[in-house]
Amino acid sequence: MTQYILFIQDNTESDPTLAEWGEFLDAARQSGLFKGGSAIGERITIGNAETAKPSDHIGGYMRFDAEDRQEILDLLQRHPVVIHGGSVELCEMPRS
């Protein structure tokens, strides 16, 4: 099983509705792939703030586990941010 993290960008052309989020989260839970997530609140940079790359365009994250990444990619076509013209970034987590 491979673990993935999805970074949700704050770059939609219009705002997703609560109903759209609810429908997507229901589908994600029913898929068995979804392992949790959260919106991202206040940020604090620790260390050299001058060289840190800003992450304020990331509004949240989701976690998924799957044998086949394509299952997640298919589900993400229904993600409210994608539907509203925004983008998400799916990253594979390295095995340790």
Foldseek 3Di string as FASTA:
>chain_A
DWKKKKFFFQDFPDDFDPVLVVVLVVVCVVVVFWDDKDFDDDDDDDDDPVPDDDDVRGGMMTMTDDPDVVVVVVSCCSPRRVVRPHDMDMDIDDDD
